[in-house]
Structures are given as structure tokens and as C-alpha cells.
PDB file of N, CA and C in Angstrom:
ATOM      1  N   MET A   1       0.835  -1.179   0.000  1.00  0.00           N
ATOM      2  CA  MET A   1       0.000   0.000   0.000  1.00  0.00           C
ATOM      3  C   MET A   1       0.879   1.241   0.000  1.00  0.00           C
ATOM      4  N   THR A   2       0.726   2.095  -0.986  1.00  0.00           N
ATOM      5  CA  THR A   2       1.481   3.340  -1.065  1.00  0.00           C
ATOM      6  C   THR A   2       0.789   4.408  -0.225  1.00  0.00           C
ATOM      7  N   PHE A   3       1.589   5.246   0.402  1.00  0.00           N
ATOM      8  CA  PHE A   3       1.040   6.358   1.161  1.00  0.00           C
ATOM      9  C   PHE A   3       1.806   7.623   0.807  1.00  0.00           C
ATOM     10  N   ASP A   4       1.264   8.752   1.251  1.00  0.00           N
ATOM     11  CA  ASP A   4       1.831  10.049   0.899  1.00  0.00           C
ATOM     12  C   ASP A   4       2.518  10.700   2.095  1.00  0.00           C
ATOM     13  N   ILE A   5       3.679  11.275   1.819  1.00  0.00           N
ATOM     14  CA  ILE A   5       4.388  12.103   2.787  1.00  0.00           C
ATOM     15  C   ILE A   5       4.571  13.464   2.138  1.00  0.00           C
ATOM     16  N   CYS A   6       4.176  14.504   2.839  1.00  0.00           N
ATOM     17  CA  CYS A   6       4.373  15.862   2.352  1.00  0.00           C
ATOM     18  C   CYS A   6       5.133  16.635   3.426  1.00  0.00           C
ATOM     19  N   ILE A   7       6.177  17.309   3.000  1.00  0.00           N
ATOM     20  CA  ILE A   7       6.934  18.180   3.887  1.00  0.00           C
ATOM     21  C   ILE A   7       6.559  19.609   3.545  1.00  0.00           C
ATOM     22  N   ILE A   8       6.185  20.382   4.542  1.00  0.00           N
ATOM     23  CA  ILE A   8       5.984  21.812   4.343  1.00  0.00           C
ATOM     24  C   ILE A   8       7.224  22.490   4.911  1.00  0.00           C
ATOM     25  N   SER A   9       7.917  23.215   4.041  1.00  0.00           N
ATOM     26  CA  SER A   9       9.227  23.767   4.367  1.00  0.00           C
ATOM     27  C   SER A   9       9.295  25.242   4.010  1.00  0.00           C
ATOM     28  N   LYS A  10      10.166  25.948   4.708  1.00  0.00           N
ATOM     29  CA  LYS A  10      10.478  27.301   4.251  1.00  0.00           C
ATOM     30  C   LYS A  10      11.561  27.182   3.181  1.00  0.00           C
ATOM     31  N   ASP A  11      11.782  28.265   2.457  1.00  0.00           N
ATOM     32  CA  ASP A  11      12.778  28.260   1.383  1.00  0.00           C
ATOM     33  C   ASP A  11      13.698  29.448   1.565  1.00  0.00           C
ATOM     34  N   PRO A  12      14.958  29.227   1.882  1.00  0.00           N
ATOM     35  CA  PRO A  12      15.629  27.935   1.970  1.00  0.00           C
ATOM     36  C   PRO A  12      15.294  27.247   3.294  1.00  0.00           C
ATOM     37  N   PRO A  13      15.373  25.917   3.294  1.00  0.00           N
ATOM     38  CA  PRO A  13      15.035  25.169   4.507  1.00  0.00           C
ATOM     39  C   PRO A  13      16.056  25.387   5.612  1.00  0.00           C
ATOM     40  N   GLY A  14      15.560  25.335   6.833  1.00  0.00           N
ATOM     41  CA  GLY A  14      16.421  25.433   8.008  1.00  0.00           C
ATOM     42  C   GLY A  14      16.461  24.106   8.734  1.00  0.00           C
ATOM     43  N   GLY A  15      16.695  24.137  10.020  1.00  0.00           N
ATOM     44  CA  GLY A  15      16.900  22.941  10.839  1.00  0.00           C
ATOM     45  C   GLY A  15      15.828  21.881  10.740  1.00  0.00           C
ATOM     46  N   ARG A  16      14.628  22.165  11.264  1.00  0.00           N
ATOM     47  CA  ARG A  16      13.572  21.145  11.255  1.00  0.00           C
ATOM     48  C   ARG A  16      13.062  20.867   9.853  1.00  0.00           C
ATOM     49  N   CYS A  17      13.029  21.877   8.990  1.00  0.00           N
ATOM     50  CA  CYS A  17      12.596  21.648   7.606  1.00  0.00           C
ATOM     51  C   CYS A  17      13.542  20.659   6.921  1.00  0.00           C
ATOM     52  N   THR A  18      14.842  20.842   7.130  1.00  0.00           N
ATOM     53  CA  THR A  18      15.835  19.932   6.564  1.00  0.00           C
ATOM     54  C   THR A  18      15.702  18.545   7.187  1.00  0.00           C
ATOM     55  N   LEU A  19      15.489  18.508   8.498  1.00  0.00           N
ATOM     56  CA  LEU A  19      15.315  17.231   9.189  1.00  0.00           C
ATOM     57  C   LEU A  19      14.115  16.470   8.635  1.00  0.00           C
ATOM     58  N   TYR A  20      12.988  17.140   8.495  1.00  0.00           N
ATOM     59  CA  TYR A  20      11.782  16.465   8.040  1.00  0.00           C
ATOM     60  C   TYR A  20      11.935  15.993   6.594  1.00  0.00           C
ATOM     61  N   SER A  21      12.658  16.761   5.788  1.00  0.00           N
ATOM     62  CA  SER A  21      12.955  16.309   4.421  1.00  0.00           C
ATOM     63  C   SER A  21      13.837  15.067   4.451  1.00  0.00           C
ATOM     64  N   GLY A  22      14.779  15.028   5.397  1.00  0.00           N
ATOM     65  CA  GLY A  22      15.616  13.841   5.568  1.00  0.00           C
ATOM     66  C   GLY A  22      14.798  12.629   5.979  1.00  0.00           C
ATOM     67  N   TYR A  23      13.853  12.840   6.887  1.00  0.00           N
ATOM     68  CA  TYR A  23      12.959  11.749   7.274  1.00  0.00           C
ATOM     69  C   TYR A  23      12.207  11.228   6.049  1.00  0.00           C
ATOM     70  N   ALA A  24      11.700  12.141   5.213  1.00  0.00           N
ATOM     71  CA  ALA A  24      10.950  11.725   4.023  1.00  0.00           C
ATOM     72  C   ALA A  24      11.826  10.905   3.085  1.00  0.00           C
ATOM     73  N   ALA A  25      13.082  11.312   2.935  1.00  0.00           N
ATOM     74  CA  ALA A  25      14.004  10.564   2.069  1.00  0.00           C
ATOM     75  C   ALA A  25      14.232   9.158   2.613  1.00  0.00           C
ATOM     76  N   VAL A  26      14.378   9.040   3.919  1.00  0.00           N
ATOM     77  CA  VAL A  26      14.556   7.722   4.536  1.00  0.00           C
ATOM     78  C   VAL A  26      13.313   6.865   4.318  1.00  0.00           C
ATOM     79  N   LEU A  27      12.151   7.436   4.555  1.00  0.00           N
ATOM     80  CA  LEU A  27      10.913   6.683   4.357  1.00  0.00           C
ATOM     81  C   LEU A  27      10.785   6.202   2.917  1.00  0.00           C
ATOM     82  N   ALA A  28      11.195   7.047   1.982  1.00  0.00           N
ATOM     83  CA  ALA A  28      11.092   6.688   0.559  1.00  0.00           C
ATOM     84  C   ALA A  28      12.031   5.552   0.183  1.00  0.00           C
ATOM     85  N   THR A  29      13.120   5.379   0.907  1.00  0.00           N
ATOM     86  CA  THR A  29      14.032   4.276   0.594  1.00  0.00           C
ATOM     87  C   THR A  29      13.610   2.969   1.259  1.00  0.00           C
ATOM     88  N   HIS A  30      12.717   3.033   2.243  1.00  0.00           N
ATOM     89  CA  HIS A  30      12.336   1.832   2.987  1.00  0.00           C
ATOM     90  C   HIS A  30      10.894   1.381   2.768  1.00  0.00           C
ATOM     91  N   LEU A  31      10.042   2.290   2.282  1.00  0.00           N
ATOM     92  CA  LEU A  31       8.618   1.979   2.180  1.00  0.00           C
ATOM     93  C   LEU A  31       8.053   2.503   0.855  1.00  0.00           C
ATOM     94  N   PRO A  32       6.911   1.968   0.419  1.00  0.00           N
ATOM     95  CA  PRO A  32       6.278   2.475  -0.799  1.00  0.00           C
ATOM     96  C   PRO A  32       5.565   3.804  -0.506  1.00  0.00           C
ATOM     97  N   VAL A  33       6.269   4.868  -0.715  1.00  0.00           N
ATOM     98  CA  VAL A  33       5.758   6.191  -0.349  1.00  0.00           C
ATOM     99  C   VAL A  33       5.948   7.168  -1.500  1.00  0.00           C
ATOM    100  N   LYS A  34       5.021   8.077  -1.623  1.00  0.00           N
ATOM    101  CA  LYS A  34       5.132   9.178  -2.572  1.00  0.00           C
ATOM    102  C   LYS A  34       5.447  10.414  -1.730  1.00  0.00           C
ATOM    103  N   THR A  35       6.560  11.086  -2.018  1.00  0.00           N
ATOM    104  CA  THR A  35       6.953  12.245  -1.233  1.00  0.00           C
ATOM    105  C   THR A  35       6.829  13.524  -2.041  1.00  0.00           C
ATOM    106  N   GLU A  36       6.581  14.598  -1.329  1.00  0.00           N
ATOM    107  CA  GLU A  36       6.441  15.911  -1.937  1.00  0.00           C
ATOM    108  C   GLU A  36       6.923  16.954  -0.927  1.00  0.00           C
ATOM    109  N   ILE A  37       7.559  17.992  -1.427  1.00  0.00           N
ATOM    110  CA  ILE A  37       7.950  19.119  -0.583  1.00  0.00           C
ATOM    111  C   ILE A  37       7.211  20.346  -1.093  1.00  0.00           C
ATOM    112  N   LEU A  38       6.485  20.983  -0.200  1.00  0.00           N
ATOM    113  CA  LEU A  38       5.803  22.237  -0.516  1.00  0.00           C
ATOM    114  C   LEU A  38       6.511  23.346   0.246  1.00  0.00           C
ATOM    115  N   TYR A  39       6.780  24.433  -0.437  1.00  0.00           N
ATOM    116  CA  TYR A  39       7.431  25.568   0.212  1.00  0.00           C
ATOM    117  C   TYR A  39       6.378  26.593   0.602  1.00  0.00           C
ATOM    118  N   SER A  40       6.534  27.127   1.799  1.00  0.00           N
ATOM    119  CA  SER A  40       5.561  28.060   2.340  1.00  0.00           C
ATOM    120  C   SER A  40       6.281  29.182   3.063  1.00  0.00           C
ATOM    121  N   ASP A  41       5.652  30.339   3.118  1.00  0.00           N
ATOM    122  CA  ASP A  41       6.193  31.423   3.929  1.00  0.00           C
ATOM    123  C   ASP A  41       5.419  31.544   5.242  1.00  0.00           C
ATOM    124  N   GLN A  42       4.508  30.603   5.472  1.00  0.00           N
ATOM    125  CA  GLN A  42       3.690  30.601   6.686  1.00  0.00           C
ATOM    126  C   GLN A  42       4.297  29.666   7.729  1.00  0.00           C
ATOM    127  N   GLN A  43       4.724  30.237   8.843  1.00  0.00           N
ATOM    128  CA  GLN A  43       5.248  29.403   9.922  1.00  0.00           C
ATOM    129  C   GLN A  43       4.086  28.936  10.787  1.00  0.00           C
ATOM    130  N   ASP A  44       3.892  27.647  10.836  1.00  0.00           N
ATOM    131  CA  ASP A  44       2.812  27.043  11.619  1.00  0.00           C
ATOM    132  C   ASP A  44       3.193  25.585  11.836  1.00  0.00           C
ATOM    133  N   ALA A  45       4.148  25.386  12.728  1.00  0.00           N
ATOM    134  CA  ALA A  45       4.738  24.061  12.935  1.00  0.00           C
ATOM    135  C   ALA A  45       3.687  23.008  13.242  1.00  0.00           C
ATOM    136  N   HIS A  46       3.851  21.872  12.577  1.00  0.00           N
ATOM    137  CA  HIS A  46       3.031  20.686  12.788  1.00  0.00           C
ATOM    138  C   HIS A  46       1.555  20.949  12.510  1.00  0.00           C
ATOM    139  N   SER A  47       1.332  21.774  11.485  1.00  0.00           N
ATOM    140  CA  SER A  47      -0.027  22.112  11.085  1.00  0.00           C
ATOM    141  C   SER A  47      -0.059  22.350   9.578  1.00  0.00           C
ATOM    142  N   VAL A  48      -0.367  23.583   9.163  1.00  0.00           N
ATOM    143  CA  VAL A  48      -0.478  23.887   7.739  1.00  0.00           C
ATOM    144  C   VAL A  48       0.678  24.728   7.218  1.00  0.00           C
ATOM    145  N   GLY A  49       1.626  25.053   8.075  1.00  0.00           N
ATOM    146  CA  GLY A  49       2.803  25.823   7.682  1.00  0.00           C
ATOM    147  C   GLY A  49       4.058  25.037   7.973  1.00  0.00           C
ATOM    148  N   TYR A  50       5.190  25.724   7.847  1.00  0.00           N
ATOM    149  CA  TYR A  50       6.462  25.045   8.086  1.00  0.00           C
ATOM    150  C   TYR A  50       6.847  25.154   9.551  1.00  0.00           C
ATOM    151  N   PRO A  51       7.649  24.255  10.058  1.00  0.00           N
ATOM    152  CA  PRO A  51       8.007  22.950   9.518  1.00  0.00           C
ATOM    153  C   PRO A  51       6.937  21.911   9.873  1.00  0.00           C
ATOM    154  N   SER A  52       6.526  21.174   8.888  1.00  0.00           N
ATOM    155  CA  SER A  52       5.519  20.137   9.109  1.00  0.00           C
ATOM    156  C   SER A  52       5.813  18.928   8.241  1.00  0.00           C
ATOM    157  N   LEU A  53       5.449  17.771   8.755  1.00  0.00           N
ATOM    158  CA  LEU A  53       5.511  16.520   8.009  1.00  0.00           C
ATOM    159  C   LEU A  53       4.115  15.941   8.061  1.00  0.00           C
ATOM    160  N   LEU A  54       3.524  15.777   6.882  1.00  0.00           N
ATOM    161  CA  LEU A  54       2.166  15.255   6.786  1.00  0.00           C
ATOM    162  C   LEU A  54       2.189  13.822   6.267  1.00  0.00           C
ATOM    163  N   LEU A  55       1.441  12.974   6.918  1.00  0.00           N
ATOM    164  CA  LEU A  55       1.263  11.584   6.510  1.00  0.00           C
ATOM    165  C   LEU A  55      -0.167  11.461   6.021  1.00  0.00           C
ATOM    166  N   ASN A  56      -0.322  11.195   4.719  1.00  0.00           N
ATOM    167  CA  ASN A  56      -1.664  11.133   4.124  1.00  0.00           C
ATOM    168  C   ASN A  56      -2.499  12.364   4.501  1.00  0.00           C
ATOM    169  N   ASN A  57      -1.885  13.534   4.350  1.00  0.00           N
ATOM    170  CA  ASN A  57      -2.519  14.839   4.576  1.00  0.00           C
ATOM    171  C   ASN A  57      -2.831  15.165   6.033  1.00  0.00           C
ATOM    172  N   VAL A  58      -2.267  14.419   6.968  1.00  0.00           N
ATOM    173  CA  VAL A  58      -2.454  14.709   8.387  1.00  0.00           C
ATOM    174  C   VAL A  58      -1.091  15.056   8.988  1.00  0.00           C
ATOM    175  N   ALA A  59      -1.001  16.245   9.578  1.00  0.00           N
ATOM    176  CA  ALA A  59       0.265  16.690  10.173  1.00  0.00           C
ATOM    177  C   ALA A  59       0.591  15.843  11.401  1.00  0.00           C
ATOM    178  N   LEU A  60       1.820  15.310  11.417  1.00  0.00           N
ATOM    179  CA  LEU A  60       2.261  14.536  12.574  1.00  0.00           C
ATOM    180  C   LEU A  60       2.571  15.481  13.724  1.00  0.00           C
ATOM    181  N   GLN A  61       2.255  15.032  14.919  1.00  0.00           N
ATOM    182  CA  GLN A  61       2.471  15.835  16.112  1.00  0.00           C
ATOM    183  C   GLN A  61       3.585  15.218  16.955  1.00  0.00           C
ATOM    184  N   PRO A  62       4.594  16.026  17.289  1.00  0.00           N
ATOM    185  CA  PRO A  62       5.679  15.491  18.114  1.00  0.00           C
ATOM    186  C   PRO A  62       5.227  15.300  19.553  1.00  0.00           C
ATOM    187  N   GLU A  63       5.667  14.219  20.142  1.00  0.00           N
ATOM    188  CA  GLU A  63       5.300  13.936  21.535  1.00  0.00           C
ATOM    189  C   GLU A  63       5.766  15.054  22.466  1.00  0.00           C
ATOM    190  N   ASP A  64       6.950  15.625  22.173  1.00  0.00           N
ATOM    191  CA  ASP A  64       7.465  16.687  23.042  1.00  0.00           C
ATOM    192  C   ASP A  64       6.928  18.063  22.666  1.00  0.00           C
ATOM    193  N   GLY A  65       6.109  18.137  21.605  1.00  0.00           N
ATOM    194  CA  GLY A  65       5.520  19.394  21.188  1.00  0.00           C
ATOM    195  C   GLY A  65       6.436  20.286  20.368  1.00  0.00           C
ATOM    196  N   VAL A  66       7.675  19.858  20.120  1.00  0.00           N
ATOM    197  CA  VAL A  66       8.642  20.722  19.447  1.00  0.00           C
ATOM    198  C   VAL A  66       9.184  20.118  18.159  1.00  0.00           C
ATOM    199  N   ILE A  67       9.706  18.897  18.234  1.00  0.00           N
ATOM    200  CA  ILE A  67      10.403  18.314  17.093  1.00  0.00           C
ATOM    201  C   ILE A  67       9.992  16.855  16.922  1.00  0.00           C
ATOM    202  N   LEU A  68       9.708  16.475  15.682  1.00  0.00           N
ATOM    203  CA  LEU A  68       9.364  15.077  15.408  1.00  0.00           C
ATOM    204  C   LEU A  68      10.591  14.196  15.589  1.00  0.00           C
ATOM    205  N   MET A  69      10.410  13.136  16.293  1.00  0.00           N
ATOM    206  CA  MET A  69      11.468  12.160  16.525  1.00  0.00           C
ATOM    207  C   MET A  69      11.104  10.875  15.769  1.00  0.00           C
ATOM    208  N   PRO A  70      12.089  10.015  15.542  1.00  0.00           N
ATOM    209  CA  PRO A  70      11.791   8.745  14.858  1.00  0.00           C
ATOM    210  C   PRO A  70      10.637   7.972  15.485  1.00  0.00           C
ATOM    211  N   ASP A  71      10.557   7.931  16.806  1.00  0.00           N
ATOM    212  CA  ASP A  71       9.460   7.208  17.462  1.00  0.00           C
ATOM    213  C   ASP A  71       8.094   7.806  17.119  1.00  0.00           C
ATOM    214  N   ASP A  72       8.037   9.134  16.966  1.00  0.00           N
ATOM    215  CA  ASP A  72       6.775   9.778  16.582  1.00  0.00           C
ATOM    216  C   ASP A  72       6.332   9.302  15.198  1.00  0.00           C
ATOM    217  N   ILE A  73       7.295   9.195  14.296  1.00  0.00           N
ATOM    218  CA  ILE A  73       6.984   8.775  12.923  1.00  0.00           C
ATOM    219  C   ILE A  73       6.553   7.317  12.900  1.00  0.00           C
ATOM    220  N   LEU A  74       7.279   6.474  13.601  1.00  0.00           N
ATOM    221  CA  LEU A  74       6.919   5.051  13.643  1.00  0.00           C
ATOM    222  C   LEU A  74       5.542   4.849  14.257  1.00  0.00           C
ATOM    223  N   ALA A  75       5.234   5.591  15.317  1.00  0.00           N
ATOM    224  CA  ALA A  75       3.913   5.485  15.947  1.00  0.00           C
ATOM    225  C   ALA A  75       2.819   5.927  14.982  1.00  0.00           C
ATOM    226  N   ALA A  76       3.066   7.013  14.228  1.00  0.00           N
ATOM    227  CA  ALA A  76       2.072   7.497  13.265  1.00  0.00           C
ATOM    228  C   ALA A  76       1.845   6.478  12.151  1.00  0.00           C
ATOM    229  N   LEU A  77       2.915   5.859  11.683  1.00  0.00           N
ATOM    230  CA  LEU A  77       2.772   4.823  10.655  1.00  0.00           C
ATOM    231  C   LEU A  77       1.925   3.677  11.177  1.00  0.00           C
ATOM    232  N   GLN A  78       2.200   3.243  12.398  1.00  0.00           N
ATOM    233  CA  GLN A  78       1.451   2.136  12.994  1.00  0.00           C
ATOM    234  C   GLN A  78      -0.018   2.523  13.181  1.00  0.00           C
ATOM    235  N   GLN A  79      -0.269   3.729  13.683  1.00  0.00           N
ATOM    236  CA  GLN A  79      -1.651   4.177  13.908  1.00  0.00           C
ATOM    237  C   GLN A  79      -2.421   4.297  12.596  1.00  0.00           C
ATOM    238  N   SER A  80      -1.702   4.556  11.509  1.00  0.00           N
ATOM    239  CA  SER A  80      -2.339   4.668  10.196  1.00  0.00           C
ATOM    240  C   SER A  80      -2.515   3.317   9.520  1.00  0.00           C
ATOM    241  N   GLY A  81      -2.056   2.254  10.154  1.00  0.00           N
ATOM    242  CA  GLY A  81      -2.192   0.918   9.593  1.00  0.00           C
ATOM    243  C   GLY A  81      -1.204   0.614   8.491  1.00  0.00           C
ATOM    244  N   ILE A  82      -0.106   1.364   8.445  1.00  0.00           N
ATOM    245  CA  ILE A  82       0.907   1.156   7.416  1.00  0.00           C
ATOM    246  C   ILE A  82       1.882   0.093   7.899  1.00  0.00           C
ATOM    247  N   ASP A  83       2.039  -0.941   7.097  1.00  0.00           N
ATOM    248  CA  ASP A  83       2.927  -2.048   7.447  1.00  0.00           C
ATOM    249  C   ASP A  83       4.384  -1.624   7.287  1.00  0.00           C
ATOM    250  N   VAL A  84       5.130  -1.746   8.361  1.00  0.00           N
ATOM    251  CA  VAL A  84       6.568  -1.469   8.343  1.00  0.00           C
ATOM    252  C   VAL A  84       7.258  -2.808   8.570  1.00  0.00           C
ATOM    253  N   PRO A  85       7.795  -3.418   7.495  1.00  0.00           N
ATOM    254  CA  PRO A  85       8.351  -4.768   7.595  1.00  0.00           C
ATOM    255  C   PRO A  85       9.510  -4.906   8.584  1.00  0.00           C
ATOM    256  N   ALA A  86      10.350  -3.892   8.707  1.00  0.00           N
ATOM    257  CA  ALA A  86      11.514  -3.961   9.598  1.00  0.00           C
ATOM    258  C   ALA A  86      11.591  -2.667  10.410  1.00  0.00           C
ATOM    259  N   PRO A  87      10.739  -2.530  11.430  1.00  0.00           N
ATOM    260  CA  PRO A  87      10.692  -1.272  12.174  1.00  0.00           C
ATOM    261  C   PRO A  87      12.011  -0.891  12.837  1.00  0.00           C
ATOM    262  N   ASP A  88      12.788  -1.870  13.296  1.00  0.00           N
ATOM    263  CA  ASP A  88      14.076  -1.560  13.928  1.00  0.00           C
ATOM    264  C   ASP A  88      15.050  -0.949  12.927  1.00  0.00           C
ATOM    265  N   ILE A  89      15.045  -1.482  11.716  1.00  0.00           N
ATOM    266  CA  ILE A  89      15.936  -0.952  10.677  1.00  0.00           C
ATOM    267  C   ILE A  89      15.488   0.451  10.280  1.00  0.00           C
ATOM    268  N   LEU A  90      14.181   0.656  10.142  1.00  0.00           N
ATOM    269  CA  LEU A  90      13.669   1.975   9.796  1.00  0.00           C
ATOM    270  C   LEU A  90      13.970   2.973  10.912  1.00  0.00           C
ATOM    271  N   ALA A  91      13.784   2.573  12.156  1.00  0.00           N
ATOM    272  CA  ALA A  91      14.075   3.466  13.284  1.00  0.00           C
ATOM    273  C   ALA A  91      15.538   3.901  13.270  1.00  0.00           C
ATOM    274  N   GLU A  92      16.424   2.965  13.018  1.00  0.00           N
ATOM    275  CA  GLU A  92      17.851   3.280  12.957  1.00  0.00           C
ATOM    276  C   GLU A  92      18.158   4.233  11.803  1.00  0.00           C
ATOM    277  N   ALA A  93      17.520   4.008  10.667  1.00  0.00           N
ATOM    278  CA  ALA A  93      17.740   4.871   9.505  1.00  0.00           C
ATOM    279  C   ALA A  93      17.204   6.285   9.754  1.00  0.00           C
ATOM    280  N   LEU A  94      16.091   6.394  10.472  1.00  0.00           N
ATOM    281  CA  LEU A  94      15.535   7.709  10.782  1.00  0.00           C
ATOM    282  C   LEU A  94      16.414   8.491  11.757  1.00  0.00           C
ATOM    283  N   GLU A  95      17.237   7.802  12.514  1.00  0.00           N
ATOM    284  CA  GLU A  95      18.165   8.470  13.434  1.00  0.00           C
ATOM    285  C   GLU A  95      19.260   9.233  12.683  1.00  0.00           C
ATOM    286  N   VAL A  96      19.575   8.819  11.455  1.00  0.00           N
ATOM    287  CA  VAL A  96      20.673   9.441  10.702  1.00  0.00           C
ATOM    288  C   VAL A  96      20.417  10.925  10.455  1.00  0.00           C
ATOM    289  N   PRO A  97      19.281  11.333   9.848  1.00  0.00           N
ATOM    290  CA  PRO A  97      19.076  12.766   9.654  1.00  0.00           C
ATOM    291  C   PRO A  97      18.947  13.528  10.972  1.00  0.00           C
ATOM    292  N   LEU A  98      18.399  12.887  11.994  1.00  0.00           N
ATOM    293  CA  LEU A  98      18.298  13.529  13.305  1.00  0.00           C
ATOM    294  C   LEU A  98      19.688  13.819  13.864  1.00  0.00           C
ATOM    295  N   ASN A  99      20.559  12.833  13.820  1.00  0.00           N
ATOM    296  CA  ASN A  99      21.918  13.022  14.318  1.00  0.00           C
ATOM    297  C   ASN A  99      22.689  14.057  13.505  1.00  0.00           C
ATOM    298  N   GLN A 100      22.440  14.097  12.195  1.00  0.00           N
ATOM    299  CA  GLN A 100      23.105  15.113  11.348  1.00  0.00           C
ATOM    300  C   GLN A 100      22.682  16.519  11.784  1.00  0.00           C
ATOM    301  N   MET A 101      21.376  16.690  12.059  1.00  0.00           N
ATOM    302  CA  MET A 101      20.902  17.998  12.486  1.00  0.00           C
ATOM    303  C   MET A 101      21.495  18.372  13.844  1.00  0.00           C
ATOM    304  N   LEU A 102      21.531  17.412  14.756  1.00  0.00           N
ATOM    305  CA  LEU A 102      22.073  17.690  16.085  1.00  0.00           C
ATOM    306  C   LEU A 102      23.565  18.011  16.027  1.00  0.00           C
ATOM    307  N   ASP A 103      24.302  17.308  15.160  1.00  0.00           N
ATOM    308  CA  ASP A 103      25.729  17.584  14.996  1.00  0.00           C
ATOM    309  C   ASP A 103      25.962  18.978  14.445  1.00  0.00           C
ATOM    310  N   GLU A 104      25.119  19.405  13.504  1.00  0.00           N
ATOM    311  CA  GLU A 104      25.268  20.728  12.913  1.00  0.00           C
ATOM    312  C   GLU A 104      24.943  21.833  13.912  1.00  0.00           C
ATOM    313  N   ALA A 105      24.100  21.520  14.886  1.00  0.00           N
ATOM    314  CA  ALA A 105      23.700  22.515  15.889  1.00  0.00           C
ATOM    315  C   ALA A 105      24.800  22.756  16.926  1.00  0.00           C
ATOM    316  N   GLU A 106      25.742  21.843  17.025  1.00  0.00           N
ATOM    317  CA  GLU A 106      26.797  21.978  18.045  1.00  0.00           C
ATOM    318  C   GLU A 106      27.810  23.009  17.666  1.00  0.00           C
TER     319      GLU A 106
END
């Protein structure tokens, strides 16, 4: 089953926008997903503005209220009924863009 991932990003992308685009790239290499990046000048995190990651047109909400983490994405996939054949491998792969963003912030 193919599903949609949409990233709402500012242009040029910054920290979370880049992170969420990285998450989308990882998902596209592991699952049957159609990805899209929409650029917006409206800041409205985890809603209709940037930075947001939408799964089948629904904005994912971070558990901590600030930044989407790999566990948030995996939970959203599971809640949406999307089969993830190797969740441990996907979780590890989703850590890569997160760690890159954290390294750049140091």
C-alpha cells in the first residue's frame, strides 16, 4: 500500500525543515511512499505551515511538542495501519538525519 508524505518547508530550509525532508528521504528508501515538498512562507509548525511533516494529509504531532522524533513517525505509521516490515531498521535509519541535524547545531 502506497502512502503520501508531504513536507511543508520554508525556502531555503532550516533545521527542522531539513530534518523532516531527511525523514521523508529515509521513508522513501524503505517503504512504498510518494513524497512531496511544498514551500511556504507561513510558519505554523506541525499544522499547515512550516516545519511540518504530513502523513496522508495529516500533520504529525511530536510527543514533546517541538520536534518530530523517529518514534513519533513510527507510531504514526502504525496508527495509520501502514505495514513497516523492519521497524528496527527503519528506526535506525531515521536516526541518521536527526543526528546530522544535532551535529550541525553543536
